[in-house]
């Protein structure tokens, strides 16, 4: 039985060529995918566009009556000071940040 000359070297060279081709392909794919597109989160509230926000700074929002029992609608209404990237809001003259389900729907 005769041994092939350079069989190991040819196999190693072919393997190296395959790895190089895979690395170049992956780099091109990642480069094309990350172009003009912005990153997406697994949480939908982070993927909303600026215009799709449920609240905007300066907008009045009213807490649901179940969260503030015994108070009138005027006492439960506050102004939005800031909208966080998560969709939660910080209110003027009220502490903490608050989520959309805490407020009444806009009619």
PDB file of N, CA and C in Angstrom:
ATOM      1  N   UNK A   1       0.835  -1.173   0.000  1.00  0.00           N
ATOM      2  CA  UNK A   1       0.000   0.000   0.000  1.00  0.00           C
ATOM      3  C   UNK A   1       0.888   1.248   0.000  1.00  0.00           C
ATOM      4  N   UNK A   2       0.659   2.136  -0.938  1.00  0.00           N
ATOM      5  CA  UNK A   2       1.471   3.333  -1.093  1.00  0.00           C
ATOM      6  C   UNK A   2       0.784   4.520  -0.435  1.00  0.00           C
ATOM      7  N   UNK A   3       1.559   5.335   0.218  1.00  0.00           N
ATOM      8  CA  UNK A   3       1.024   6.551   0.833  1.00  0.00           C
ATOM      9  C   UNK A   3       0.997   7.664  -0.186  1.00  0.00           C
ATOM     10  N   UNK A   4      -0.040   8.473  -0.114  1.00  0.00           N
ATOM     11  CA  UNK A   4      -0.088   9.666  -0.968  1.00  0.00           C
ATOM     12  C   UNK A   4       0.831  10.706  -0.380  1.00  0.00           C
ATOM     13  N   UNK A   5       1.530  11.383  -1.221  1.00  0.00           N
ATOM     14  CA  UNK A   5       2.431  12.428  -0.745  1.00  0.00           C
ATOM     15  C   UNK A   5       1.634  13.709  -0.524  1.00  0.00           C
ATOM     16  N   UNK A   6       1.841  14.318   0.587  1.00  0.00           N
ATOM     17  CA  UNK A   6       1.203  15.601   0.866  1.00  0.00           C
ATOM     18  C   UNK A   6      -0.274  15.490   1.207  1.00  0.00           C
ATOM     19  N   UNK A   7      -0.774  14.323   1.533  1.00  0.00           N
ATOM     20  CA  UNK A   7      -2.195  14.142   1.846  1.00  0.00           C
ATOM     21  C   UNK A   7      -2.634  14.930   3.064  1.00  0.00           C
ATOM     22  N   UNK A   8      -1.780  14.946   4.077  1.00  0.00           N
ATOM     23  CA  UNK A   8      -2.103  15.693   5.284  1.00  0.00           C
ATOM     24  C   UNK A   8      -2.113  17.186   5.015  1.00  0.00           C
ATOM     25  N   UNK A   9      -1.136  17.643   4.280  1.00  0.00           N
ATOM     26  CA  UNK A   9      -1.036  19.065   3.986  1.00  0.00           C
ATOM     27  C   UNK A   9      -2.198  19.539   3.141  1.00  0.00           C
ATOM     28  N   UNK A  10      -2.602  18.716   2.182  1.00  0.00           N
ATOM     29  CA  UNK A  10      -3.742  19.107   1.338  1.00  0.00           C
ATOM     30  C   UNK A  10      -5.028  19.178   2.166  1.00  0.00           C
ATOM     31  N   UNK A  11      -5.207  18.231   3.084  1.00  0.00           N
ATOM     32  CA  UNK A  11      -6.381  18.247   3.954  1.00  0.00           C
ATOM     33  C   UNK A  11      -6.394  19.456   4.872  1.00  0.00           C
ATOM     34  N   UNK A  12      -5.222  19.769   5.424  1.00  0.00           N
ATOM     35  CA  UNK A  12      -5.121  20.939   6.303  1.00  0.00           C
ATOM     36  C   UNK A  12      -5.368  22.226   5.529  1.00  0.00           C
ATOM     37  N   UNK A  13      -4.824  22.292   4.312  1.00  0.00           N
ATOM     38  CA  UNK A  13      -5.018  23.471   3.474  1.00  0.00           C
ATOM     39  C   UNK A  13      -6.491  23.635   3.087  1.00  0.00           C
ATOM     40  N   UNK A  14      -7.158  22.535   2.769  1.00  0.00           N
ATOM     41  CA  UNK A  14      -8.584  22.589   2.421  1.00  0.00           C
ATOM     42  C   UNK A  14      -9.414  23.027   3.630  1.00  0.00           C
ATOM     43  N   UNK A  15      -9.075  22.524   4.811  1.00  0.00           N
ATOM     44  CA  UNK A  15      -9.785  22.927   6.023  1.00  0.00           C
ATOM     45  C   UNK A  15      -9.601  24.397   6.336  1.00  0.00           C
ATOM     46  N   UNK A  16      -8.378  24.878   6.161  1.00  0.00           N
ATOM     47  CA  UNK A  16      -8.092  26.287   6.389  1.00  0.00           C
ATOM     48  C   UNK A  16      -8.838  27.172   5.392  1.00  0.00           C
ATOM     49  N   UNK A  17      -8.907  26.734   4.142  1.00  0.00           N
ATOM     50  CA  UNK A  17      -9.645  27.489   3.124  1.00  0.00           C
ATOM     51  C   UNK A  17     -11.135  27.531   3.468  1.00  0.00           C
ATOM     52  N   UNK A  18     -11.677  26.428   3.966  1.00  0.00           N
ATOM     53  CA  UNK A  18     -13.087  26.391   4.361  1.00  0.00           C
ATOM     54  C   UNK A  18     -13.378  27.322   5.525  1.00  0.00           C
ATOM     55  N   UNK A  19     -12.496  27.327   6.518  1.00  0.00           N
ATOM     56  CA  UNK A  19     -12.671  28.230   7.658  1.00  0.00           C
ATOM     57  C   UNK A  19     -12.595  29.689   7.232  1.00  0.00           C
ATOM     58  N   UNK A  20     -11.668  29.995   6.350  1.00  0.00           N
ATOM     59  CA  UNK A  20     -11.524  31.370   5.866  1.00  0.00           C
ATOM     60  C   UNK A  20     -12.769  31.812   5.111  1.00  0.00           C
ATOM     61  N   UNK A  21     -13.272  30.937   4.246  1.00  0.00           N
ATOM     62  CA  UNK A  21     -14.476  31.271   3.481  1.00  0.00           C
ATOM     63  C   UNK A  21     -15.667  31.491   4.416  1.00  0.00           C
ATOM     64  N   UNK A  22     -15.794  30.666   5.452  1.00  0.00           N
ATOM     65  CA  UNK A  22     -16.882  30.831   6.411  1.00  0.00           C
ATOM     66  C   UNK A  22     -16.782  32.133   7.182  1.00  0.00           C
ATOM     67  N   UNK A  23     -15.565  32.485   7.588  1.00  0.00           N
ATOM     68  CA  UNK A  23     -15.370  33.732   8.331  1.00  0.00           C
ATOM     69  C   UNK A  23     -15.675  34.947   7.468  1.00  0.00           C
ATOM     70  N   UNK A  24     -15.228  34.931   6.217  1.00  0.00           N
ATOM     71  CA  UNK A  24     -15.507  36.046   5.307  1.00  0.00           C
ATOM     72  C   UNK A  24     -17.007  36.156   5.049  1.00  0.00           C
ATOM     73  N   UNK A  25     -17.678  35.032   4.847  1.00  0.00           N
ATOM     74  CA  UNK A  25     -19.128  35.045   4.619  1.00  0.00           C
ATOM     75  C   UNK A  25     -19.889  35.587   5.817  1.00  0.00           C
ATOM     76  N   UNK A  26     -19.496  35.165   7.017  1.00  0.00           N
ATOM     77  CA  UNK A  26     -20.160  35.655   8.229  1.00  0.00           C
ATOM     78  C   UNK A  26     -19.935  37.150   8.406  1.00  0.00           C
ATOM     79  N   UNK A  27     -18.723  37.614   8.140  1.00  0.00           N
ATOM     80  CA  UNK A  27     -18.427  39.045   8.275  1.00  0.00           C
ATOM     81  C   UNK A  27     -19.250  39.870   7.290  1.00  0.00           C
ATOM     82  N   UNK A  28     -19.369  39.393   6.065  1.00  0.00           N
ATOM     83  CA  UNK A  28     -20.171  40.118   5.069  1.00  0.00           C
ATOM     84  C   UNK A  28     -21.645  40.133   5.450  1.00  0.00           C
ATOM     85  N   UNK A  29     -22.136  39.016   5.961  1.00  0.00           N
ATOM     86  CA  UNK A  29     -23.542  38.934   6.363  1.00  0.00           C
ATOM     87  C   UNK A  29     -23.831  39.887   7.521  1.00  0.00           C
ATOM     88  N   UNK A  30     -22.969  39.921   8.521  1.00  0.00           N
ATOM     89  CA  UNK A  30     -23.175  40.818   9.660  1.00  0.00           C
ATOM     90  C   UNK A  30     -23.053  42.279   9.248  1.00  0.00           C
ATOM     91  N   UNK A  31     -22.144  42.562   8.363  1.00  0.00           N
ATOM     92  CA  UNK A  31     -21.960  43.943   7.911  1.00  0.00           C
ATOM     93  C   UNK A  31     -23.183  44.438   7.155  1.00  0.00           C
ATOM     94  N   UNK A  32     -23.745  43.599   6.307  1.00  0.00           N
ATOM     95  CA  UNK A  32     -24.915  43.992   5.526  1.00  0.00           C
ATOM     96  C   UNK A  32     -26.143  44.117   6.421  1.00  0.00           C
ATOM     97  N   UNK A  33     -26.280  43.225   7.388  1.00  0.00           N
ATOM     98  CA  UNK A  33     -27.459  43.225   8.255  1.00  0.00           C
ATOM     99  C   UNK A  33     -27.492  44.443   9.173  1.00  0.00           C
ATOM    100  N   UNK A  34     -26.354  44.913   9.639  1.00  0.00           N
ATOM    101  CA  UNK A  34     -26.314  46.008  10.599  1.00  0.00           C
ATOM    102  C   UNK A  34     -26.259  47.376   9.961  1.00  0.00           C
ATOM    103  N   UNK A  35     -26.505  47.498   8.683  1.00  0.00           N
ATOM    104  CA  UNK A  35     -26.369  48.757   7.959  1.00  0.00           C
ATOM    105  C   UNK A  35     -27.294  49.856   8.432  1.00  0.00           C
ATOM    106  N   UNK A  36     -28.324  50.179   7.671  1.00  0.00           N
ATOM    107  CA  UNK A  36     -29.217  51.298   7.963  1.00  0.00           C
ATOM    108  C   UNK A  36     -30.267  50.940   9.008  1.00  0.00           C
ATOM    109  N   UNK A  37     -30.390  49.679   9.309  1.00  0.00           N
ATOM    110  CA  UNK A  37     -31.424  49.214  10.224  1.00  0.00           C
ATOM    111  C   UNK A  37     -31.018  49.490  11.670  1.00  0.00           C
ATOM    112  N   UNK A  38     -31.957  49.944  12.497  1.00  0.00           N
ATOM    113  CA  UNK A  38     -31.612  50.140  13.902  1.00  0.00           C
ATOM    114  C   UNK A  38     -31.823  48.827  14.646  1.00  0.00           C
ATOM    115  N   UNK A  39     -31.237  48.720  15.808  1.00  0.00           N
ATOM    116  CA  UNK A  39     -31.315  47.479  16.570  1.00  0.00           C
ATOM    117  C   UNK A  39     -32.734  47.270  17.082  1.00  0.00           C
ATOM    118  N   UNK A  40     -33.140  46.016  17.154  1.00  0.00           N
ATOM    119  CA  UNK A  40     -34.467  45.681  17.662  1.00  0.00           C
ATOM    120  C   UNK A  40     -34.330  44.943  18.982  1.00  0.00           C
ATOM    121  N   UNK A  41     -35.251  45.204  19.868  1.00  0.00           N
ATOM    122  CA  UNK A  41     -35.270  44.554  21.165  1.00  0.00           C
ATOM    123  C   UNK A  41     -36.326  43.460  21.157  1.00  0.00           C
ATOM    124  N   UNK A  42     -36.211  42.533  22.095  1.00  0.00           N
ATOM    125  CA  UNK A  42     -37.238  41.503  22.209  1.00  0.00           C
ATOM    126  C   UNK A  42     -38.480  42.052  22.912  1.00  0.00           C
ATOM    127  N   UNK A  43     -38.360  43.240  23.510  1.00  0.00           N
ATOM    128  CA  UNK A  43     -39.486  43.860  24.189  1.00  0.00           C
ATOM    129  C   UNK A  43     -40.145  44.869  23.257  1.00  0.00           C
ATOM    130  N   UNK A  44     -41.445  44.711  22.954  1.00  0.00           N
ATOM    131  CA  UNK A  44     -42.094  45.570  21.958  1.00  0.00           C
ATOM    132  C   UNK A  44     -42.126  47.048  22.317  1.00  0.00           C
ATOM    133  N   UNK A  45     -42.143  47.390  23.595  1.00  0.00           N
ATOM    134  CA  UNK A  45     -42.208  48.813  23.947  1.00  0.00           C
ATOM    135  C   UNK A  45     -40.934  49.554  23.552  1.00  0.00           C
ATOM    136  N   UNK A  46     -39.815  48.831  23.446  1.00  0.00           N
ATOM    137  CA  UNK A  46     -38.567  49.467  23.021  1.00  0.00           C
ATOM    138  C   UNK A  46     -38.510  49.634  21.502  1.00  0.00           C
ATOM    139  N   UNK A  47     -39.307  48.863  20.757  1.00  0.00           N
ATOM    140  CA  UNK A  47     -39.278  48.908  19.298  1.00  0.00           C
ATOM    141  C   UNK A  47     -40.216  49.957  18.716  1.00  0.00           C
ATOM    142  N   UNK A  48     -40.978  50.638  19.542  1.00  0.00           N
ATOM    143  CA  UNK A  48     -41.906  51.653  19.040  1.00  0.00           C
ATOM    144  C   UNK A  48     -41.147  52.838  18.470  1.00  0.00           C
ATOM    145  N   UNK A  49     -41.714  53.413  17.423  1.00  0.00           N
ATOM    146  CA  UNK A  49     -41.134  54.650  16.892  1.00  0.00           C
ATOM    147  C   UNK A  49     -41.517  55.789  17.823  1.00  0.00           C
ATOM    148  N   UNK A  50     -40.810  56.902  17.721  1.00  0.00           N
ATOM    149  CA  UNK A  50     -41.093  58.065  18.559  1.00  0.00           C
ATOM    150  C   UNK A  50     -42.543  58.503  18.425  1.00  0.00           C
ATOM    151  N   UNK A  51     -43.117  58.417  17.234  1.00  0.00           N
ATOM    152  CA  UNK A  51     -44.492  58.881  17.017  1.00  0.00           C
ATOM    153  C   UNK A  51     -45.532  57.895  17.535  1.00  0.00           C
ATOM    154  N   UNK A  52     -45.118  56.676  17.870  1.00  0.00           N
ATOM    155  CA  UNK A  52     -46.057  55.659  18.338  1.00  0.00           C
ATOM    156  C   UNK A  52     -46.165  55.605  19.861  1.00  0.00           C
ATOM    157  N   UNK A  53     -45.571  56.521  20.544  1.00  0.00           N
ATOM    158  CA  UNK A  53     -45.606  56.508  22.007  1.00  0.00           C
ATOM    159  C   UNK A  53     -47.020  56.806  22.498  1.00  0.00           C
ATOM    160  N   UNK A  54     -47.391  56.209  23.617  1.00  0.00           N
ATOM    161  CA  UNK A  54     -48.733  56.407  24.156  1.00  0.00           C
ATOM    162  C   UNK A  54     -48.840  57.729  24.901  1.00  0.00           C
ATOM    163  N   UNK A  55     -47.715  58.325  25.277  1.00  0.00           N
ATOM    164  CA  UNK A  55     -47.730  59.614  25.985  1.00  0.00           C
ATOM    165  C   UNK A  55     -46.578  60.471  25.479  1.00  0.00           C
ATOM    166  N   UNK A  56     -46.764  61.772  25.589  1.00  0.00           N
ATOM    167  CA  UNK A  56     -45.728  62.724  25.179  1.00  0.00           C
ATOM    168  C   UNK A  56     -45.538  63.753  26.285  1.00  0.00           C
ATOM    169  N   UNK A  57     -44.352  64.362  26.374  1.00  0.00           N
ATOM    170  CA  UNK A  57     -44.136  65.379  27.406  1.00  0.00           C
ATOM    171  C   UNK A  57     -45.166  66.506  27.312  1.00  0.00           C
ATOM    172  N   UNK A  58     -45.687  66.915  28.464  1.00  0.00           N
ATOM    173  CA  UNK A  58     -46.684  67.976  28.518  1.00  0.00           C
ATOM    174  C   UNK A  58     -48.112  67.474  28.434  1.00  0.00           C
ATOM    175  N   UNK A  59     -48.298  66.224  28.111  1.00  0.00           N
ATOM    176  CA  UNK A  59     -49.637  65.653  27.940  1.00  0.00           C
ATOM    177  C   UNK A  59     -50.228  65.277  29.309  1.00  0.00           C
ATOM    178  N   UNK A  60     -51.501  65.601  29.559  1.00  0.00           N
ATOM    179  CA  UNK A  60     -52.116  65.194  30.831  1.00  0.00           C
ATOM    180  C   UNK A  60     -52.513  63.712  30.804  1.00  0.00           C
ATOM    181  N   UNK A  61     -52.249  63.002  31.890  1.00  0.00           N
ATOM    182  CA  UNK A  61     -52.651  61.599  32.027  1.00  0.00           C
ATOM    183  C   UNK A  61     -53.374  61.441  33.357  1.00  0.00           C
ATOM    184  N   UNK A  62     -54.335  60.522  33.401  1.00  0.00           N
ATOM    185  CA  UNK A  62     -55.154  60.319  34.595  1.00  0.00           C
ATOM    186  C   UNK A  62     -54.972  58.901  35.117  1.00  0.00           C
ATOM    187  N   UNK A  63     -54.605  58.781  36.398  1.00  0.00           N
ATOM    188  CA  UNK A  63     -54.481  57.463  37.014  1.00  0.00           C
ATOM    189  C   UNK A  63     -55.847  56.791  37.056  1.00  0.00           C
ATOM    190  N   UNK A  64     -55.867  55.476  36.963  1.00  0.00           N
ATOM    191  CA  UNK A  64     -57.126  54.732  37.079  1.00  0.00           C
ATOM    192  C   UNK A  64     -57.672  54.909  38.496  1.00  0.00           C
ATOM    193  N   UNK A  65     -58.986  54.910  38.605  1.00  0.00           N
ATOM    194  CA  UNK A  65     -59.644  55.148  39.897  1.00  0.00           C
ATOM    195  C   UNK A  65     -59.294  54.062  40.918  1.00  0.00           C
ATOM    196  N   UNK A  66     -59.027  52.839  40.458  1.00  0.00           N
ATOM    197  CA  UNK A  66     -58.696  51.750  41.388  1.00  0.00           C
ATOM    198  C   UNK A  66     -57.368  52.013  42.103  1.00  0.00           C
ATOM    199  N   UNK A  67     -56.483  52.769  41.470  1.00  0.00           N
ATOM    200  CA  UNK A  67     -55.176  53.041  42.066  1.00  0.00           C
ATOM    201  C   UNK A  67     -55.211  54.206  43.051  1.00  0.00           C
ATOM    202  N   UNK A  68     -56.195  55.089  42.891  1.00  0.00           N
ATOM    203  CA  UNK A  68     -56.337  56.238  43.796  1.00  0.00           C
ATOM    204  C   UNK A  68     -57.803  56.361  44.207  1.00  0.00           C
ATOM    205  N   UNK A  69     -58.292  55.441  45.024  1.00  0.00           N
ATOM    206  CA  UNK A  69     -59.706  55.486  45.403  1.00  0.00           C
ATOM    207  C   UNK A  69     -60.028  56.713  46.254  1.00  0.00           C
ATOM    208  N   UNK A  70     -61.211  57.250  46.061  1.00  0.00           N
ATOM    209  CA  UNK A  70     -61.666  58.391  46.845  1.00  0.00           C
ATOM    210  C   UNK A  70     -61.186  59.733  46.335  1.00  0.00           C
ATOM    211  N   UNK A  71     -60.479  59.761  45.225  1.00  0.00           N
ATOM    212  CA  UNK A  71     -60.017  61.037  44.669  1.00  0.00           C
ATOM    213  C   UNK A  71     -60.769  61.335  43.386  1.00  0.00           C
ATOM    214  N   UNK A  72     -61.011  62.603  43.149  1.00  0.00           N
ATOM    215  CA  UNK A  72     -61.720  62.994  41.922  1.00  0.00           C
ATOM    216  C   UNK A  72     -60.781  62.863  40.724  1.00  0.00           C
ATOM    217  N   UNK A  73     -61.366  62.954  39.545  1.00  0.00           N
ATOM    218  CA  UNK A  73     -60.591  62.849  38.309  1.00  0.00           C
ATOM    219  C   UNK A  73     -59.508  63.937  38.245  1.00  0.00           C
ATOM    220  N   UNK A  74     -59.849  65.143  38.675  1.00  0.00           N
ATOM    221  CA  UNK A  74     -58.883  66.248  38.650  1.00  0.00           C
ATOM    222  C   UNK A  74     -57.695  65.969  39.581  1.00  0.00           C
ATOM    223  N   UNK A  75     -57.957  65.314  40.720  1.00  0.00           N
ATOM    224  CA  UNK A  75     -56.880  64.995  41.660  1.00  0.00           C
ATOM    225  C   UNK A  75     -55.995  63.850  41.159  1.00  0.00           C
ATOM    226  N   UNK A  76     -56.516  63.043  40.237  1.00  0.00           N
ATOM    227  CA  UNK A  76     -55.756  61.911  39.687  1.00  0.00           C
ATOM    228  C   UNK A  76     -55.045  62.256  38.386  1.00  0.00           C
ATOM    229  N   UNK A  77     -55.186  63.499  37.911  1.00  0.00           N
ATOM    230  CA  UNK A  77     -54.597  63.913  36.636  1.00  0.00           C
ATOM    231  C   UNK A  77     -53.278  64.641  36.864  1.00  0.00           C
ATOM    232  N   UNK A  78     -52.268  64.210  36.112  1.00  0.00           N
ATOM    233  CA  UNK A  78     -50.929  64.801  36.192  1.00  0.00           C
ATOM    234  C   UNK A  78     -50.395  65.015  34.786  1.00  0.00           C
ATOM    235  N   UNK A  79     -49.369  65.848  34.685  1.00  0.00           N
ATOM    236  CA  UNK A  79     -48.729  66.123  33.398  1.00  0.00           C
ATOM    237  C   UNK A  79     -47.463  65.286  33.249  1.00  0.00           C
ATOM    238  N   UNK A  80     -47.226  64.790  32.026  1.00  0.00           N
ATOM    239  CA  UNK A  80     -46.027  64.001  31.728  1.00  0.00           C
ATOM    240  C   UNK A  80     -44.832  64.948  31.612  1.00  0.00           C
ATOM    241  N   UNK A  81     -43.786  64.665  32.377  1.00  0.00           N
ATOM    242  CA  UNK A  81     -42.558  65.466  32.301  1.00  0.00           C
ATOM    243  C   UNK A  81     -41.583  64.856  31.299  1.00  0.00           C
ATOM    244  N   UNK A  82     -41.510  63.524  31.284  1.00  0.00           N
ATOM    245  CA  UNK A  82     -40.533  62.850  30.422  1.00  0.00           C
ATOM    246  C   UNK A  82     -41.024  61.449  30.092  1.00  0.00           C
ATOM    247  N   UNK A  83     -40.769  60.997  28.873  1.00  0.00           N
ATOM    248  CA  UNK A  83     -41.076  59.625  28.467  1.00  0.00           C
ATOM    249  C   UNK A  83     -39.753  58.881  28.362  1.00  0.00           C
ATOM    250  N   UNK A  84     -39.625  57.786  29.104  1.00  0.00           N
ATOM    251  CA  UNK A  84     -38.399  56.990  29.097  1.00  0.00           C
ATOM    252  C   UNK A  84     -38.377  56.071  27.877  1.00  0.00           C
ATOM    253  N   UNK A  85     -37.209  55.576  27.464  1.00  0.00           N
ATOM    254  CA  UNK A  85     -37.129  54.682  26.297  1.00  0.00           C
ATOM    255  C   UNK A  85     -37.969  53.420  26.445  1.00  0.00           C
ATOM    256  N   UNK A  86     -38.226  53.002  27.679  1.00  0.00           N
ATOM    257  CA  UNK A  86     -39.026  51.801  27.917  1.00  0.00           C
ATOM    258  C   UNK A  86     -40.517  52.054  27.726  1.00  0.00           C
ATOM    259  N   UNK A  87     -40.922  53.322  27.561  1.00  0.00           N
ATOM    260  CA  UNK A  87     -42.337  53.650  27.431  1.00  0.00           C
ATOM    261  C   UNK A  87     -42.944  54.123  28.741  1.00  0.00           C
ATOM    262  N   UNK A  88     -42.215  53.975  29.837  1.00  0.00           N
ATOM    263  CA  UNK A  88     -42.694  54.468  31.127  1.00  0.00           C
ATOM    264  C   UNK A  88     -42.565  55.981  31.158  1.00  0.00           C
ATOM    265  N   UNK A  89     -43.325  56.634  32.042  1.00  0.00           N
ATOM    266  CA  UNK A  89     -43.304  58.094  32.094  1.00  0.00           C
ATOM    267  C   UNK A  89     -42.927  58.585  33.485  1.00  0.00           C
ATOM    268  N   UNK A  90     -42.322  59.759  33.528  1.00  0.00           N
ATOM    269  CA  UNK A  90     -42.061  60.480  34.774  1.00  0.00           C
ATOM    270  C   UNK A  90     -43.010  61.669  34.763  1.00  0.00           C
ATOM    271  N   UNK A  91     -43.716  61.871  35.874  1.00  0.00           N
ATOM    272  CA  UNK A  91     -44.742  62.906  35.944  1.00  0.00           C
ATOM    273  C   UNK A  91     -44.240  64.137  36.689  1.00  0.00           C
ATOM    274  N   UNK A  92     -44.829  65.286  36.359  1.00  0.00           N
ATOM    275  CA  UNK A  92     -44.545  66.523  37.090  1.00  0.00           C
ATOM    276  C   UNK A  92     -45.287  66.454  38.425  1.00  0.00           C
ATOM    277  N   UNK A  93     -44.659  66.866  39.494  1.00  0.00           N
ATOM    278  CA  UNK A  93     -45.257  66.923  40.839  1.00  0.00           C
ATOM    279  C   UNK A  93     -45.739  65.567  41.341  1.00  0.00           C
ATOM    280  N   UNK A  94     -45.106  64.481  40.891  1.00  0.00           N
ATOM    281  CA  UNK A  94     -45.463  63.143  41.369  1.00  0.00           C
ATOM    282  C   UNK A  94     -44.213  62.277  41.264  1.00  0.00           C
ATOM    283  N   UNK A  95     -43.930  61.498  42.287  1.00  0.00           N
ATOM    284  CA  UNK A  95     -42.669  60.748  42.317  1.00  0.00           C
ATOM    285  C   UNK A  95     -42.766  59.421  41.566  1.00  0.00           C
ATOM    286  N   UNK A  96     -41.626  58.932  41.124  1.00  0.00           N
ATOM    287  CA  UNK A  96     -41.529  57.623  40.478  1.00  0.00           C
ATOM    288  C   UNK A  96     -41.805  57.656  38.986  1.00  0.00           C
ATOM    289  N   UNK A  97     -41.568  56.495  38.360  1.00  0.00           N
ATOM    290  CA  UNK A  97     -41.910  56.352  36.945  1.00  0.00           C
ATOM    291  C   UNK A  97     -43.072  55.370  36.845  1.00  0.00           C
ATOM    292  N   UNK A  98     -43.907  55.553  35.850  1.00  0.00           N
ATOM    293  CA  UNK A  98     -45.170  54.828  35.780  1.00  0.00           C
ATOM    294  C   UNK A  98     -45.395  54.257  34.389  1.00  0.00           C
ATOM    295  N   UNK A  99     -46.071  53.101  34.332  1.00  0.00           N
ATOM    296  CA  UNK A  99     -46.327  52.402  33.077  1.00  0.00           C
ATOM    297  C   UNK A  99     -47.726  52.725  32.556  1.00  0.00           C
ATOM    298  N   UNK A 100     -47.930  52.445  31.301  1.00  0.00           N
ATOM    299  CA  UNK A 100     -49.193  52.748  30.627  1.00  0.00           C
ATOM    300  C   UNK A 100     -50.426  52.130  31.302  1.00  0.00           C
ATOM    301  N   UNK A 101     -50.374  50.873  31.786  1.00  0.00           N
ATOM    302  CA  UNK A 101     -51.588  50.284  32.386  1.00  0.00           C
ATOM    303  C   UNK A 101     -52.088  50.980  33.650  1.00  0.00           C
ATOM    304  N   UNK A 102     -51.268  51.826  34.264  1.00  0.00           N
ATOM    305  CA  UNK A 102     -51.684  52.531  35.478  1.00  0.00           C
ATOM    306  C   UNK A 102     -52.647  53.676  35.181  1.00  0.00           C
ATOM    307  N   UNK A 103     -52.787  54.045  33.917  1.00  0.00           N
ATOM    308  CA  UNK A 103     -53.580  55.212  33.545  1.00  0.00           C
ATOM    309  C   UNK A 103     -54.827  54.815  32.768  1.00  0.00           C
ATOM    310  N   UNK A 104     -55.814  55.726  32.791  1.00  0.00           N
ATOM    311  CA  UNK A 104     -57.035  55.513  32.005  1.00  0.00           C
ATOM    312  C   UNK A 104     -56.723  55.674  30.527  1.00  0.00           C
ATOM    313  N   UNK A 105     -57.483  54.984  29.686  1.00  0.00           N
ATOM    314  CA  UNK A 105     -57.320  55.101  28.236  1.00  0.00           C
ATOM    315  C   UNK A 105     -57.730  56.492  27.796  1.00  0.00           C
ATOM    316  N   UNK A 106     -57.075  56.991  26.766  1.00  0.00           N
ATOM    317  CA  UNK A 106     -57.420  58.300  26.217  1.00  0.00           C
ATOM    318  C   UNK A 106     -58.657  58.135  25.351  1.00  0.00           C
ATOM    319  N   UNK A 107     -59.640  59.014  25.571  1.00  0.00           N
ATOM    320  CA  UNK A 107     -60.887  58.896  24.795  1.00  0.00           C
ATOM    321  C   UNK A 107     -60.849  59.773  23.584  1.00  0.00           C
TER     322      UNK A 107
END
